[in-house]
Amino acid sequence: MKAAGNLTKTDFEQLSEFRYQMRRFERFSERAAQGEGITRLQYLLLLHIKGFPERNWATVGELAERLQSHHHGVVALVTRCEALELVRRQTNQDDRRQVEVHLEPRGEQVLARLAALHRAELKSLEGAFRVPQIDL
């Protein structure tokens, strides 16, 4: 295992380039979402609902995990998205304690436009997101 002091200049350059490309993509995402009148987090919420494995909804707890956020923060985010008519909450029929978060038609439309932009941007960055080969 390499100690931090044993990293080479190339190791630092690779890490720096990786973080730079990640931040460029994040900035692109922020601007694209703003162009649709939503925040980057609202876009990510919509994406994680639509992209949740094997079903077309997710719970607040599942979304909190995907967003790496606190449950109460995601509750507030869902509330803001409901006000914009992007999502709706629905009580789970099998477990009434569980609340499902579903996309509304407007949320589907906004997400489709943003996902297309993000996919195009990712294609333009092809190869830029090489994971650094650092022997730690």
Protein backbone atom coordinates (compact mmCIF):
# COMPACT_ATOMS: atom_id res chain seq x y z
CA MET A 1 0.00 0.00 0.00
CA LYS A 2 1.37 3.43 -0.95
CA ALA A 3 1.59 5.97 1.82
CA ALA A 4 0.32 9.46 0.99
CA GLY A 5 3.93 10.66 0.82
CA ASN A 6 4.72 8.02 -1.81
CA LEU A 7 2.23 9.29 -4.39
CA THR A 8 3.91 10.47 -7.56
CA LYS A 9 3.31 13.69 -9.44
CA THR A 10 1.44 11.61 -12.05
CA ASP A 11 -0.84 10.22 -9.31
CA PHE A 12 -1.76 13.75 -8.25
CA GLU A 13 -2.26 14.85 -11.86
CA GLN A 14 -4.63 11.94 -12.47
CA LEU A 15 -6.61 12.65 -9.31
CA SER A 16 -6.75 16.34 -10.17
CA GLU A 17 -7.94 15.67 -13.73
CA PHE A 18 -10.58 13.24 -12.51
CA ARG A 19 -11.96 15.73 -9.97
CA TYR A 20 -11.83 18.52 -12.58
CA GLN A 21 -13.86 16.49 -15.09
CA MET A 22 -16.35 15.50 -12.37
CA ARG A 23 -16.79 19.15 -11.39
CA ARG A 24 -17.21 20.23 -15.02
CA PHE A 25 -19.97 17.68 -15.44
CA GLU A 26 -21.62 18.78 -12.19
CA ARG A 27 -21.52 22.40 -13.33
CA PHE A 28 -23.05 21.41 -16.66
CA SER A 29 -25.78 19.57 -14.74
CA GLU A 30 -26.47 22.60 -12.55
CA ARG A 31 -26.88 24.86 -15.57
CA ALA A 32 -29.04 22.38 -17.48
CA ALA A 33 -31.37 21.96 -14.50
CA GLN A 34 -31.59 25.73 -14.04
CA GLY A 35 -32.58 25.99 -17.70
CA GLU A 36 -35.58 23.80 -16.88
CA GLY A 37 -36.44 25.88 -13.80
CA ILE A 38 -35.34 23.30 -11.24
CA THR A 39 -32.29 22.67 -9.10
CA ARG A 40 -29.63 20.01 -9.63
CA LEU A 41 -30.94 18.13 -6.58
CA GLN A 42 -34.47 18.20 -7.97
CA TYR A 43 -33.13 16.73 -11.22
CA LEU A 44 -31.28 14.02 -9.30
CA LEU A 45 -34.43 13.19 -7.34
CA LEU A 46 -36.38 12.74 -10.59
CA LEU A 47 -33.55 10.66 -12.07
CA HIS A 48 -33.36 8.36 -9.05
CA ILE A 49 -37.12 7.81 -9.03
CA LYS A 50 -37.18 6.93 -12.73
CA GLY A 51 -33.97 4.91 -12.49
CA PHE A 52 -34.86 2.95 -9.38
CA PRO A 53 -34.31 -0.76 -10.11
CA GLU A 54 -37.33 -2.90 -10.97
CA ARG A 55 -40.09 -0.36 -10.30
CA ASN A 56 -41.21 3.13 -11.24
CA TRP A 57 -41.23 4.68 -7.76
CA ALA A 58 -38.99 4.89 -4.69
CA THR A 59 -39.43 5.55 -0.99
CA VAL A 60 -38.01 8.62 0.72
CA GLY A 61 -35.51 6.38 2.53
CA GLU A 62 -34.34 4.85 -0.74
CA LEU A 63 -34.01 8.29 -2.29
CA ALA A 64 -32.05 9.52 0.72
CA GLU A 65 -29.59 6.67 0.20
CA ARG A 66 -29.28 7.37 -3.53
CA LEU A 67 -28.76 11.08 -2.88
CA GLN A 68 -26.48 10.38 0.10
CA SER A 69 -28.61 12.77 2.11
CA HIS A 70 -30.59 12.86 5.34
CA HIS A 71 -34.17 11.57 5.39
CA HIS A 72 -35.60 14.91 6.55
CA GLY A 73 -33.74 16.76 3.77
CA VAL A 74 -35.23 14.46 1.15
CA VAL A 75 -38.70 14.93 2.65
CA ALA A 76 -38.26 18.69 2.12
CA LEU A 77 -36.94 18.11 -1.41
CA VAL A 78 -39.95 15.91 -2.26
CA THR A 79 -42.27 18.59 -0.84
CA ARG A 80 -40.69 21.23 -3.10
CA CYS A 81 -40.97 18.91 -6.11
CA GLU A 82 -44.63 18.24 -5.28
CA ALA A 83 -45.26 22.00 -5.27
CA LEU A 84 -43.79 22.13 -8.80
CA GLU A 85 -46.02 19.19 -9.82
CA LEU A 86 -42.98 17.06 -10.64
CA VAL A 87 -43.76 14.21 -8.21
CA ARG A 88 -46.53 12.89 -6.00
CA ARG A 89 -46.56 10.86 -2.83
CA GLN A 90 -48.70 7.77 -2.52
CA THR A 91 -49.20 5.42 0.43
CA ASN A 92 -48.01 1.89 -0.30
CA GLN A 93 -51.00 -0.47 -0.57
CA ASP A 94 -49.20 -3.37 1.14
CA ASP A 95 -47.51 -1.40 3.91
CA ARG A 96 -49.47 1.74 4.82
CA ARG A 97 -46.44 3.06 6.77
CA GLN A 98 -44.43 3.27 3.55
CA VAL A 99 -44.76 6.28 1.26
CA GLU A 100 -43.97 5.90 -2.43
CA VAL A 101 -42.69 8.84 -4.48
CA HIS A 102 -43.87 8.75 -8.13
CA LEU A 103 -43.11 10.98 -11.09
CA GLU A 104 -45.91 13.15 -12.39
CA PRO A 105 -46.26 13.77 -16.16
CA ARG A 106 -44.50 17.14 -15.83
CA GLY A 107 -41.65 15.47 -13.95
CA GLU A 108 -41.37 12.84 -16.69
CA GLN A 109 -41.15 15.58 -19.36
CA VAL A 110 -38.54 17.64 -17.51
CA LEU A 111 -36.52 14.51 -16.75
CA ALA A 112 -36.62 13.31 -20.37
CA ARG A 113 -35.26 16.64 -21.64
CA LEU A 114 -32.54 16.81 -18.99
CA ALA A 115 -31.52 13.17 -19.34
CA ALA A 116 -31.07 13.65 -23.10
CA LEU A 117 -28.81 16.67 -22.46
CA HIS A 118 -26.83 14.77 -19.84
CA ARG A 119 -26.38 11.78 -22.09
CA ALA A 120 -25.07 14.00 -24.89
CA GLU A 121 -22.69 15.73 -22.48
CA LEU A 122 -21.40 12.39 -21.21
CA LYS A 123 -20.75 11.27 -24.77
CA SER A 124 -18.76 14.46 -25.39
CA LEU A 125 -16.65 13.68 -22.32
CA GLU A 126 -16.01 10.09 -23.36
CA GLY A 127 -12.64 9.04 -22.03
CA ALA A 128 -12.39 12.03 -19.68
CA PHE A 129 -13.68 10.02 -16.74
CA ARG A 130 -10.94 7.44 -16.65
CA VAL A 131 -10.59 6.29 -13.08
CA PRO A 132 -7.04 6.99 -11.92
CA GLN A 133 -4.93 3.86 -11.53
CA ILE A 134 -3.44 4.63 -8.15
CA ASP A 135 -1.85 1.84 -6.18
CA LEU A 136 -2.89 2.62 -2.61
